[in-house]
Amino acid sequence: EVSAALRARQQQRLRPWGARVHWHERWPERLD
């Protein structure tokens, strides 16, 4: 998510899932 405002909204909504949810401002070099 590139939008800080949307990222904050997502973090509030998904708080019940704790460390299972991760945010990135840019994608990693490799992903699975």
Full PDB file with SEQRES, HELIX, SHEET, SSBOND, CRYST1, ORIGX, SCALE, CONECT and MASTER records, all heavy atoms in Angstrom:
SEQRES   1 A   32  GLU VAL SER ALA ALA LEU ARG ALA ARG GLN GLN GLN ARG          
SEQRES   2 A   32  LEU ARG PRO TRP GLY ALA ARG VAL HIS TRP HIS GLU ARG          
SEQRES   3 A   32  TRP PRO GLU ARG LEU ASP                                      
HELIX    1 AA1 ALA A    4  ARG A   13  1                                  10    
HELIX    2 AA2 ARG A   15  ARG A   20  5                                   6    
CRYST1    1.000    1.000    1.000  90.00  90.00  90.00 P 1           1          
ORIGX1      1.000000  0.000000  0.000000        0.00000                         
ORIGX2      0.000000  1.000000  0.000000        0.00000                         
ORIGX3      0.000000  0.000000  1.000000        0.00000                         
SCALE1      1.000000  0.000000  0.000000        0.00000                         
SCALE2      0.000000  1.000000  0.000000        0.00000                         
SCALE3      0.000000  0.000000  1.000000        0.00000                         
ATOM      1  N   GLU A   1       0.835  -1.195   0.000  1.00  0.00           N  
ATOM      2  CA  GLU A   1       0.000   0.000   0.000  1.00  0.00           C  
ATOM      3  C   GLU A   1       0.875   1.253   0.000  1.00  0.00           C  
ATOM      4  O   GLU A   1       1.689   1.450   0.898  1.00  0.00           O  
ATOM      5  CB  GLU A   1      -0.907  -0.006   1.238  1.00  0.00           C  
ATOM      6  CG  GLU A   1      -1.837   1.178   1.335  1.00  0.00           C  
ATOM      7  CD  GLU A   1      -2.764   1.261   0.127  1.00  0.00           C  
ATOM      8  OE1 GLU A   1      -3.650   0.394  -0.006  1.00  0.00           O  
ATOM      9  OE2 GLU A   1      -2.572   2.202  -0.671  1.00  0.00           O  
ATOM     10  N   VAL A   2       0.708   2.098  -0.998  1.00  0.00           N  
ATOM     11  CA  VAL A   2       1.511   3.317  -1.097  1.00  0.00           C  
ATOM     12  C   VAL A   2       0.876   4.482  -0.355  1.00  0.00           C  
ATOM     13  O   VAL A   2       1.547   5.469  -0.055  1.00  0.00           O  
ATOM     14  CB  VAL A   2       1.734   3.713  -2.572  1.00  0.00           C  
ATOM     15  CG1 VAL A   2       2.515   2.631  -3.301  1.00  0.00           C  
ATOM     16  CG2 VAL A   2       0.411   3.996  -3.288  1.00  0.00           C  
ATOM     17  N   SER A   3      -0.410   4.410  -0.035  1.00  0.00           N  
ATOM     18  CA  SER A   3      -1.105   5.504   0.640  1.00  0.00           C  
ATOM     19  C   SER A   3      -1.009   5.336   2.150  1.00  0.00           C  
ATOM     20  O   SER A   3      -1.506   4.367   2.718  1.00  0.00           O  
ATOM     21  CB  SER A   3      -2.578   5.539   0.213  1.00  0.00           C  
ATOM     22  OG  SER A   3      -3.324   6.399   1.060  1.00  0.00           O  
ATOM     23  N   ALA A   4      -0.385   6.303   2.812  1.00  0.00           N  
ATOM     24  CA  ALA A   4      -0.265   6.243   4.267  1.00  0.00           C  
ATOM     25  C   ALA A   4      -1.643   6.300   4.926  1.00  0.00           C  
ATOM     26  O   ALA A   4      -1.889   5.642   5.948  1.00  0.00           O  
ATOM     27  CB  ALA A   4       0.609   7.383   4.764  1.00  0.00           C  
ATOM     28  N   ALA A   5      -2.556   7.088   4.351  1.00  0.00           N  
ATOM     29  CA  ALA A   5      -3.896   7.217   4.926  1.00  0.00           C  
ATOM     30  C   ALA A   5      -4.651   5.900   4.853  1.00  0.00           C  
ATOM     31  O   ALA A   5      -5.287   5.471   5.836  1.00  0.00           O  
ATOM     32  CB  ALA A   5      -4.668   8.309   4.197  1.00  0.00           C  
ATOM     33  N   LEU A   6      -4.593   5.236   3.713  1.00  0.00           N  
ATOM     34  CA  LEU A   6      -5.274   3.951   3.587  1.00  0.00           C  
ATOM     35  C   LEU A   6      -4.598   2.887   4.439  1.00  0.00           C  
ATOM     36  O   LEU A   6      -5.265   2.022   5.021  1.00  0.00           O  
ATOM     37  CB  LEU A   6      -5.313   3.519   2.124  1.00  0.00           C  
ATOM     38  CG  LEU A   6      -6.264   4.322   1.219  1.00  0.00           C  
ATOM     39  CD1 LEU A   6      -6.135   3.868  -0.223  1.00  0.00           C  
ATOM     40  CD2 LEU A   6      -7.707   4.174   1.699  1.00  0.00           C  
ATOM     41  N   ARG A   7      -3.274   2.946   4.526  1.00  0.00           N  
ATOM     42  CA  ARG A   7      -2.556   1.964   5.334  1.00  0.00           C  
ATOM     43  C   ARG A   7      -3.000   2.060   6.802  1.00  0.00           C  
ATOM     44  O   ARG A   7      -3.213   1.037   7.463  1.00  0.00           O  
ATOM     45  CB  ARG A   7      -1.050   2.189   5.204  1.00  0.00           C  
ATOM     46  CG  ARG A   7      -0.205   1.091   5.830  1.00  0.00           C  
ATOM     47  CD  ARG A   7       1.212   1.118   5.283  1.00  0.00           C  
ATOM     48  NE  ARG A   7       1.873   2.388   5.491  1.00  0.00           N  
ATOM     49  CZ  ARG A   7       2.223   3.240   4.507  1.00  0.00           C  
ATOM     50  NH1 ARG A   7       1.952   2.946   3.250  1.00  0.00           N  
ATOM     51  NH2 ARG A   7       2.830   4.380   4.786  1.00  0.00           N  
ATOM     52  N   ALA A   8      -3.164   3.276   7.315  1.00  0.00           N  
ATOM     53  CA  ALA A   8      -3.607   3.454   8.699  1.00  0.00           C  
ATOM     54  C   ALA A   8      -5.018   2.888   8.891  1.00  0.00           C  
ATOM     55  O   ALA A   8      -5.315   2.267   9.923  1.00  0.00           O  
ATOM     56  CB  ALA A   8      -3.571   4.937   9.058  1.00  0.00           C  
ATOM     57  N   ARG A   9      -5.876   3.086   7.897  1.00  0.00           N  
ATOM     58  CA  ARG A   9      -7.239   2.563   7.980  1.00  0.00           C  
ATOM     59  C   ARG A   9      -7.238   1.027   7.979  1.00  0.00           C  
ATOM     60  O   ARG A   9      -7.982   0.381   8.713  1.00  0.00           O  
ATOM     61  CB  ARG A   9      -8.042   3.105   6.797  1.00  0.00           C  
ATOM     62  CG  ARG A   9      -9.537   3.108   6.980  1.00  0.00           C  
ATOM     63  CD  ARG A   9     -10.190   3.917   5.887  1.00  0.00           C  
ATOM     64  NE  ARG A   9      -9.820   5.314   5.959  1.00  0.00           N  
ATOM     65  CZ  ARG A   9      -9.964   6.175   4.959  1.00  0.00           C  
ATOM     66  NH1 ARG A   9     -10.449   5.762   3.807  1.00  0.00           N  
ATOM     67  NH2 ARG A   9      -9.614   7.438   5.105  1.00  0.00           N  
ATOM     68  N   GLN A  10      -6.389   0.455   7.141  1.00  0.00           N  
ATOM     69  CA  GLN A  10      -6.275  -1.007   7.077  1.00  0.00           C  
ATOM     70  C   GLN A  10      -5.752  -1.563   8.402  1.00  0.00           C  
ATOM     71  O   GLN A  10      -6.256  -2.591   8.901  1.00  0.00           O  
ATOM     72  CB  GLN A  10      -5.332  -1.393   5.940  1.00  0.00           C  
ATOM     73  CG  GLN A  10      -5.841  -1.036   4.550  1.00  0.00           C  
ATOM     74  CD  GLN A  10      -4.723  -0.928   3.537  1.00  0.00           C  
ATOM     75  OE1 GLN A  10      -3.573  -1.300   3.812  1.00  0.00           O  
ATOM     76  NE2 GLN A  10      -5.032  -0.412   2.353  1.00  0.00           N  
ATOM     77  N   GLN A  11      -4.754  -0.907   8.964  1.00  0.00           N  
ATOM     78  CA  GLN A  11      -4.171  -1.404  10.211  1.00  0.00           C  
ATOM     79  C   GLN A  11      -5.186  -1.408  11.341  1.00  0.00           C  
ATOM     80  O   GLN A  11      -5.206  -2.327  12.172  1.00  0.00           O  
ATOM     81  CB  GLN A  11      -2.948  -0.559  10.565  1.00  0.00           C  
ATOM     82  CG  GLN A  11      -1.770  -0.813   9.624  1.00  0.00           C  
ATOM     83  CD  GLN A  11      -0.647   0.189   9.788  1.00  0.00           C  
ATOM     84  OE1 GLN A  11      -0.839   1.279  10.342  1.00  0.00           O  
ATOM     85  NE2 GLN A  11       0.541  -0.160   9.304  1.00  0.00           N  
ATOM     86  N   GLN A  12      -6.034  -0.404  11.363  1.00  0.00           N  
ATOM     87  CA  GLN A  12      -7.084  -0.358  12.388  1.00  0.00           C  
ATOM     88  C   GLN A  12      -8.061  -1.506  12.195  1.00  0.00           C  
ATOM     89  O   GLN A  12      -8.441  -2.199  13.154  1.00  0.00           O  
ATOM     90  CB  GLN A  12      -7.810   0.990  12.302  1.00  0.00           C  
ATOM     91  CG  GLN A  12      -8.990   1.125  13.250  1.00  0.00           C  
ATOM     92  CD  GLN A  12      -8.559   1.190  14.708  1.00  0.00           C  
ATOM     93  OE1 GLN A  12      -7.430   1.566  15.022  1.00  0.00           O  
ATOM     94  NE2 GLN A  12      -9.465   0.811  15.616  1.00  0.00           N  
ATOM     95  N   ARG A  13      -8.469  -1.752  10.977  1.00  0.00           N  
ATOM     96  CA  ARG A  13      -9.479  -2.773  10.685  1.00  0.00           C  
ATOM     97  C   ARG A  13      -8.943  -4.184  10.918  1.00  0.00           C  
ATOM     98  O   ARG A  13      -9.682  -5.076  11.352  1.00  0.00           O  
ATOM     99  CB  ARG A  13      -9.946  -2.624   9.238  1.00  0.00           C  
ATOM    100  CG  ARG A  13     -11.062  -3.571   8.856  1.00  0.00           C  
ATOM    101  CD  ARG A  13     -11.677  -3.201   7.544  1.00  0.00           C  
ATOM    102  NE  ARG A  13     -13.048  -3.651   7.470  1.00  0.00           N  
ATOM    103  CZ  ARG A  13     -14.020  -3.016   6.841  1.00  0.00           C  
ATOM    104  NH1 ARG A  13     -13.767  -1.866   6.234  1.00  0.00           N  
ATOM    105  NH2 ARG A  13     -15.242  -3.495   6.816  1.00  0.00           N  
ATOM    106  N   LEU A  14      -7.679  -4.397  10.601  1.00  0.00           N  
ATOM    107  CA  LEU A  14      -7.114  -5.750  10.640  1.00  0.00           C  
ATOM    108  C   LEU A  14      -6.342  -6.037  11.923  1.00  0.00           C  
ATOM    109  O   LEU A  14      -5.644  -7.049  12.015  1.00  0.00           O  
ATOM    110  CB  LEU A  14      -6.218  -5.961   9.414  1.00  0.00           C  
ATOM    111  CG  LEU A  14      -6.928  -5.758   8.058  1.00  0.00           C  
ATOM    112  CD1 LEU A  14      -5.941  -5.888   6.917  1.00  0.00           C  
ATOM    113  CD2 LEU A  14      -8.078  -6.749   7.892  1.00  0.00           C  
ATOM    114  N   ARG A  15      -6.493  -5.192  12.898  1.00  0.00           N  
ATOM    115  CA  ARG A  15      -5.779  -5.363  14.167  1.00  0.00           C  
ATOM    116  C   ARG A  15      -6.031  -6.719  14.818  1.00  0.00           C  
ATOM    117  O   ARG A  15      -5.115  -7.300  15.421  1.00  0.00           O  
ATOM    118  CB  ARG A  15      -6.169  -4.233  15.130  1.00  0.00           C  
ATOM    119  CG  ARG A  15      -5.397  -4.248  16.447  1.00  0.00           C  
ATOM    120  CD  ARG A  15      -5.715  -3.014  17.263  1.00  0.00           C  
ATOM    121  NE  ARG A  15      -5.269  -1.800  16.581  1.00  0.00           N  
ATOM    122  CZ  ARG A  15      -5.578  -0.565  16.983  1.00  0.00           C  
ATOM    123  NH1 ARG A  15      -6.332  -0.388  18.050  1.00  0.00           N  
ATOM    124  NH2 ARG A  15      -5.134   0.477  16.324  1.00  0.00           N  
ATOM    125  N   PRO A  16      -7.242  -7.297  14.718  1.00  0.00           N  
ATOM    126  CA  PRO A  16      -7.465  -8.604  15.369  1.00  0.00           C  
ATOM    127  C   PRO A  16      -6.540  -9.715  14.889  1.00  0.00           C  
ATOM    128  O   PRO A  16      -6.354 -10.709  15.605  1.00  0.00           O  
ATOM    129  CB  PRO A  16      -8.926  -8.919  15.012  1.00  0.00           C  
ATOM    130  CG  PRO A  16      -9.571  -7.585  14.818  1.00  0.00           C  
ATOM    131  CD  PRO A  16      -8.510  -6.738  14.176  1.00  0.00           C  
ATOM    132  N   TRP A  17      -5.956  -9.561  13.703  1.00  0.00           N  
ATOM    133  CA  TRP A  17      -5.091 -10.625  13.181  1.00  0.00           C  
ATOM    134  C   TRP A  17      -3.616 -10.385  13.521  1.00  0.00           C  
ATOM    135  O   TRP A  17      -2.766 -11.188  13.164  1.00  0.00           O  
ATOM    136  CB  TRP A  17      -5.297 -10.778  11.674  1.00  0.00           C  
ATOM    137  CG  TRP A  17      -6.588 -11.479  11.387  1.00  0.00           C  
ATOM    138  CD1 TRP A  17      -6.807 -12.826  11.312  1.00  0.00           C  
ATOM    139  CD2 TRP A  17      -7.863 -10.869  11.184  1.00  0.00           C  
ATOM    140  NE1 TRP A  17      -8.133 -13.089  11.071  1.00  0.00           N  
ATOM    141  CE2 TRP A  17      -8.806 -11.913  10.984  1.00  0.00           C  
ATOM    142  CE3 TRP A  17      -8.314  -9.547  11.135  1.00  0.00           C  
ATOM    143  CZ2 TRP A  17     -10.164 -11.654  10.754  1.00  0.00           C  
ATOM    144  CZ3 TRP A  17      -9.665  -9.303  10.922  1.00  0.00           C  
ATOM    145  CH2 TRP A  17     -10.571 -10.345  10.723  1.00  0.00           C  
ATOM    146  N   GLY A  18      -3.324  -9.326  14.203  1.00  0.00           N  
ATOM    147  CA  GLY A  18      -1.996  -9.074  14.745  1.00  0.00           C  
ATOM    148  C   GLY A  18      -0.857  -9.270  13.763  1.00  0.00           C  
ATOM    149  O   GLY A  18      -0.862  -8.735  12.656  1.00  0.00           O  
ATOM    150  N   ALA A  19       0.119 -10.102  14.177  1.00  0.00           N  
ATOM    151  CA  ALA A  19       1.356 -10.265  13.409  1.00  0.00           C  
ATOM    152  C   ALA A  19       1.175 -11.085  12.140  1.00  0.00           C  
ATOM    153  O   ALA A  19       2.127 -11.251  11.377  1.00  0.00           O  
ATOM    154  CB  ALA A  19       2.423 -10.921  14.292  1.00  0.00           C  
ATOM    155  N   ARG A  20      -0.028 -11.599  11.900  1.00  0.00           N  
ATOM    156  CA  ARG A  20      -0.253 -12.348  10.647  1.00  0.00           C  
ATOM    157  C   ARG A  20      -0.415 -11.415   9.448  1.00  0.00           C  
ATOM    158  O   ARG A  20      -0.400 -11.873   8.308  1.00  0.00           O  
ATOM    159  CB  ARG A  20      -1.494 -13.236  10.781  1.00  0.00           C  
ATOM    160  CG  ARG A  20      -1.257 -14.486  11.626  1.00  0.00           C  
ATOM    161  CD  ARG A  20      -2.488 -15.350  11.672  1.00  0.00           C  
ATOM    162  NE  ARG A  20      -2.989 -15.636  10.331  1.00  0.00           N  
ATOM    163  CZ  ARG A  20      -4.236 -15.993  10.067  1.00  0.00           C  
ATOM    164  NH1 ARG A  20      -5.124 -16.053  11.054  1.00  0.00           N  
ATOM    165  NH2 ARG A  20      -4.616 -16.270   8.843  1.00  0.00           N  
ATOM    166  N   VAL A  21      -0.605 -10.126   9.691  1.00  0.00           N  
ATOM    167  CA  VAL A  21      -0.776  -9.162   8.604  1.00  0.00           C  
ATOM    168  C   VAL A  21       0.440  -8.257   8.559  1.00  0.00           C  
ATOM    169  O   VAL A  21       0.889  -7.740   9.597  1.00  0.00           O  
ATOM    170  CB  VAL A  21      -2.059  -8.332   8.783  1.00  0.00           C  
ATOM    171  CG1 VAL A  21      -2.291  -7.453   7.558  1.00  0.00           C  
ATOM    172  CG2 VAL A  21      -3.267  -9.242   9.020  1.00  0.00           C  
ATOM    173  N   HIS A  22       0.975  -8.066   7.364  1.00  0.00           N  
ATOM    174  CA  HIS A  22       2.197  -7.288   7.177  1.00  0.00           C  
ATOM    175  C   HIS A  22       1.959  -6.229   6.101  1.00  0.00           C  
ATOM    176  O   HIS A  22       1.279  -6.483   5.103  1.00  0.00           O  
ATOM    177  CB  HIS A  22       3.351  -8.202   6.735  1.00  0.00           C  
ATOM    178  CG  HIS A  22       3.464  -9.462   7.543  1.00  0.00           C  
ATOM    179  ND1 HIS A  22       4.275  -9.569   8.636  1.00  0.00           N  
ATOM    180  CD2 HIS A  22       2.840 -10.673   7.408  1.00  0.00           C  
ATOM    181  CE1 HIS A  22       4.173 -10.794   9.151  1.00  0.00           C  
ATOM    182  NE2 HIS A  22       3.298 -11.478   8.423  1.00  0.00           N  
ATOM    183  N   TRP A  23       2.550  -5.052   6.295  1.00  0.00           N  
ATOM    184  CA  TRP A  23       2.420  -3.979   5.318  1.00  0.00           C  
ATOM    185  C   TRP A  23       3.768  -3.655   4.678  1.00  0.00           C  
ATOM    186  O   TRP A  23       4.810  -3.711   5.337  1.00  0.00           O  
ATOM    187  CB  TRP A  23       1.856  -2.722   5.978  1.00  0.00           C  
ATOM    188  CG  TRP A  23       0.377  -2.777   6.135  1.00  0.00           C  
ATOM    189  CD1 TRP A  23      -0.566  -2.290   5.283  1.00  0.00           C  
ATOM    190  CD2 TRP A  23      -0.355  -3.391   7.217  1.00  0.00           C  
ATOM    191  NE1 TRP A  23      -1.835  -2.552   5.744  1.00  0.00           N  
ATOM    192  CE2 TRP A  23      -1.731  -3.230   6.935  1.00  0.00           C  
ATOM    193  CE3 TRP A  23       0.018  -4.060   8.376  1.00  0.00           C  
ATOM    194  CZ2 TRP A  23      -2.729  -3.702   7.780  1.00  0.00           C  
ATOM    195  CZ3 TRP A  23      -0.969  -4.535   9.223  1.00  0.00           C  
ATOM    196  CH2 TRP A  23      -2.326  -4.365   8.927  1.00  0.00           C  
ATOM    197  N   HIS A  24       3.714  -3.307   3.402  1.00  0.00           N  
ATOM    198  CA  HIS A  24       4.908  -2.962   2.642  1.00  0.00           C  
ATOM    199  C   HIS A  24       4.592  -1.734   1.787  1.00  0.00           C  
ATOM    200  O   HIS A  24       3.534  -1.657   1.157  1.00  0.00           O  
ATOM    201  CB  HIS A  24       5.330  -4.106   1.713  1.00  0.00           C  
ATOM    202  CG  HIS A  24       5.383  -5.452   2.388  1.00  0.00           C  
ATOM    203  ND1 HIS A  24       6.548  -6.000   2.872  1.00  0.00           N  
ATOM    204  CD2 HIS A  24       4.393  -6.363   2.662  1.00  0.00           C  
ATOM    205  CE1 HIS A  24       6.288  -7.189   3.397  1.00  0.00           C  
ATOM    206  NE2 HIS A  24       4.983  -7.427   3.284  1.00  0.00           N  
ATOM    207  N   GLU A  25       5.505  -0.788   1.755  1.00  0.00           N  
ATOM    208  CA  GLU A  25       5.334   0.366   0.877  1.00  0.00           C  
ATOM    209  C   GLU A  25       5.754   0.044  -0.552  1.00  0.00           C  
ATOM    210  O   GLU A  25       5.354   0.725  -1.489  1.00  0.00           O  
ATOM    211  CB  GLU A  25       6.147   1.557   1.405  1.00  0.00           C  
ATOM    212  CG  GLU A  25       5.629   2.111   2.726  1.00  0.00           C  
ATOM    213  CD  GLU A  25       6.395   3.330   3.161  1.00  0.00           C  
ATOM    214  OE1 GLU A  25       6.927   4.051   2.292  1.00  0.00           O  
ATOM    215  OE2 GLU A  25       6.466   3.575   4.386  1.00  0.00           O  
ATOM    216  N   ARG A  26       6.580  -0.969  -0.687  1.00  0.00           N  
ATOM    217  CA  ARG A  26       7.002  -1.411  -2.022  1.00  0.00           C  
ATOM    218  C   ARG A  26       7.156  -2.930  -1.971  1.00  0.00           C  
ATOM    219  O   ARG A  26       7.321  -3.519  -0.896  1.00  0.00           O  
ATOM    220  CB  ARG A  26       8.305  -0.739  -2.441  1.00  0.00           C  
ATOM    221  CG  ARG A  26       9.464  -1.006  -1.511  1.00  0.00           C  
ATOM    222  CD  ARG A  26      10.692  -0.199  -1.903  1.00  0.00           C  
ATOM    223  NE  ARG A  26      10.441   1.222  -1.800  1.00  0.00           N  
ATOM    224  CZ  ARG A  26      10.555   1.920  -0.669  1.00  0.00           C  
ATOM    225  NH1 ARG A  26      10.907   1.302   0.465  1.00  0.00           N  
ATOM    226  NH2 ARG A  26      10.334   3.197  -0.637  1.00  0.00           N  
ATOM    227  N   TRP A  27       7.120  -3.547  -3.121  1.00  0.00           N  
ATOM    228  CA  TRP A  27       7.176  -5.009  -3.108  1.00  0.00           C  
ATOM    229  C   TRP A  27       8.616  -5.506  -2.968  1.00  0.00           C  
ATOM    230  O   TRP A  27       9.573  -4.808  -3.308  1.00  0.00           O  
ATOM    231  CB  TRP A  27       6.506  -5.603  -4.324  1.00  0.00           C  
ATOM    232  CG  TRP A  27       6.848  -5.015  -5.662  1.00  0.00           C  
ATOM    233  CD1 TRP A  27       7.841  -4.149  -5.986  1.00  0.00           C  
ATOM    234  CD2 TRP A  27       6.120  -5.248  -6.865  1.00  0.00           C  
ATOM    235  NE1 TRP A  27       7.796  -3.848  -7.309  1.00  0.00           N  
ATOM    236  CE2 TRP A  27       6.761  -4.505  -7.873  1.00  0.00           C  
ATOM    237  CE3 TRP A  27       5.020  -6.022  -7.193  1.00  0.00           C  
ATOM    238  CZ2 TRP A  27       6.311  -4.517  -9.198  1.00  0.00           C  
ATOM    239  CZ3 TRP A  27       4.575  -6.027  -8.502  1.00  0.00           C  
ATOM    240  CH2 TRP A  27       5.226  -5.273  -9.478  1.00  0.00           C  
ATOM    241  N   PRO A  28       8.768  -6.733  -2.447  1.00  0.00           N  
ATOM    242  CA  PRO A  28      10.108  -7.288  -2.246  1.00  0.00           C  
ATOM    243  C   PRO A  28      10.716  -7.745  -3.564  1.00  0.00           C  
ATOM    244  O   PRO A  28      10.043  -7.834  -4.589  1.00  0.00           O  
ATOM    245  CB  PRO A  28       9.855  -8.472  -1.319  1.00  0.00           C  
ATOM    246  CG  PRO A  28       8.464  -8.904  -1.671  1.00  0.00           C  
ATOM    247  CD  PRO A  28       7.709  -7.647  -1.991  1.00  0.00           C  
ATOM    248  N   GLU A  29      11.994  -8.050  -3.525  1.00  0.00           N  
ATOM    249  CA  GLU A  29      12.683  -8.528  -4.725  1.00  0.00           C  
ATOM    250  C   GLU A  29      12.150  -9.887  -5.161  1.00  0.00           C  
ATOM    251  O   GLU A  29      12.109 -10.194  -6.350  1.00  0.00           O  
ATOM    252  CB  GLU A  29      14.194  -8.621  -4.465  1.00  0.00           C  
ATOM    253  CG  GLU A  29      14.875  -7.265  -4.346  1.00  0.00           C  
ATOM    254  CD  GLU A  29      14.719  -6.440  -5.622  1.00  0.00           C  
ATOM    255  OE1 GLU A  29      14.896  -6.995  -6.733  1.00  0.00           O  
ATOM    256  OE2 GLU A  29      14.415  -5.240  -5.509  1.00  0.00           O  
ATOM    257  N   ARG A  30      11.750 -10.710  -4.203  1.00  0.00           N  
ATOM    258  CA  ARG A  30      11.196 -12.028  -4.510  1.00  0.00           C  
ATOM    259  C   ARG A  30       9.975 -12.249  -3.629  1.00  0.00           C  
ATOM    260  O   ARG A  30       9.952 -11.840  -2.471  1.00  0.00           O  
ATOM    261  CB  ARG A  30      12.228 -13.140  -4.240  1.00  0.00           C  
ATOM    262  CG  ARG A  30      13.446 -13.074  -5.147  1.00  0.00           C  
ATOM    263  CD  ARG A  30      13.090 -13.525  -6.562  1.00  0.00           C  
ATOM    264  NE  ARG A  30      14.258 -13.532  -7.428  1.00  0.00           N  
ATOM    265  CZ  ARG A  30      14.653 -12.506  -8.169  1.00  0.00           C  
ATOM    266  NH1 ARG A  30      13.971 -11.367  -8.119  1.00  0.00           N  
ATOM    267  NH2 ARG A  30      15.701 -12.594  -8.940  1.00  0.00           N  
ATOM    268  N   LEU A  31       8.957 -12.890  -4.166  1.00  0.00           N  
ATOM    269  CA  LEU A  31       7.797 -13.201  -3.329  1.00  0.00           C  
ATOM    270  C   LEU A  31       7.201 -14.547  -3.737  1.00  0.00           C  
ATOM    271  O   LEU A  31       7.324 -14.988  -4.879  1.00  0.00           O  
ATOM    272  CB  LEU A  31       6.752 -12.092  -3.385  1.00  0.00           C  
ATOM    273  CG  LEU A  31       6.105 -11.703  -4.715  1.00  0.00           C  
ATOM    274  CD1 LEU A  31       4.879 -12.566  -5.003  1.00  0.00           C  
ATOM    275  CD2 LEU A  31       5.681 -10.242  -4.668  1.00  0.00           C  
ATOM    276  N   ASP A  32       6.581 -15.196  -2.757  1.00  0.00           N  
ATOM    277  CA  ASP A  32       5.879 -16.457  -2.946  1.00  0.00           C  
ATOM    278  C   ASP A  32       4.476 -16.290  -2.377  1.00  0.00           C  
ATOM    279  O   ASP A  32       4.302 -15.700  -1.307  1.00  0.00           O  
ATOM    280  CB  ASP A  32       6.591 -17.598  -2.194  1.00  0.00           C  
ATOM    281  CG  ASP A  32       7.989 -17.847  -2.713  1.00  0.00           C  
ATOM    282  OD1 ASP A  32       8.121 -18.522  -3.745  1.00  0.00           O  
ATOM    283  OD2 ASP A  32       8.941 -17.349  -2.078  1.00  0.00           O  
TER     284      ASP A  32                                                      
MASTER        0    0    0    2    0    0    0    6  283    1    0    3          
END                                                                             
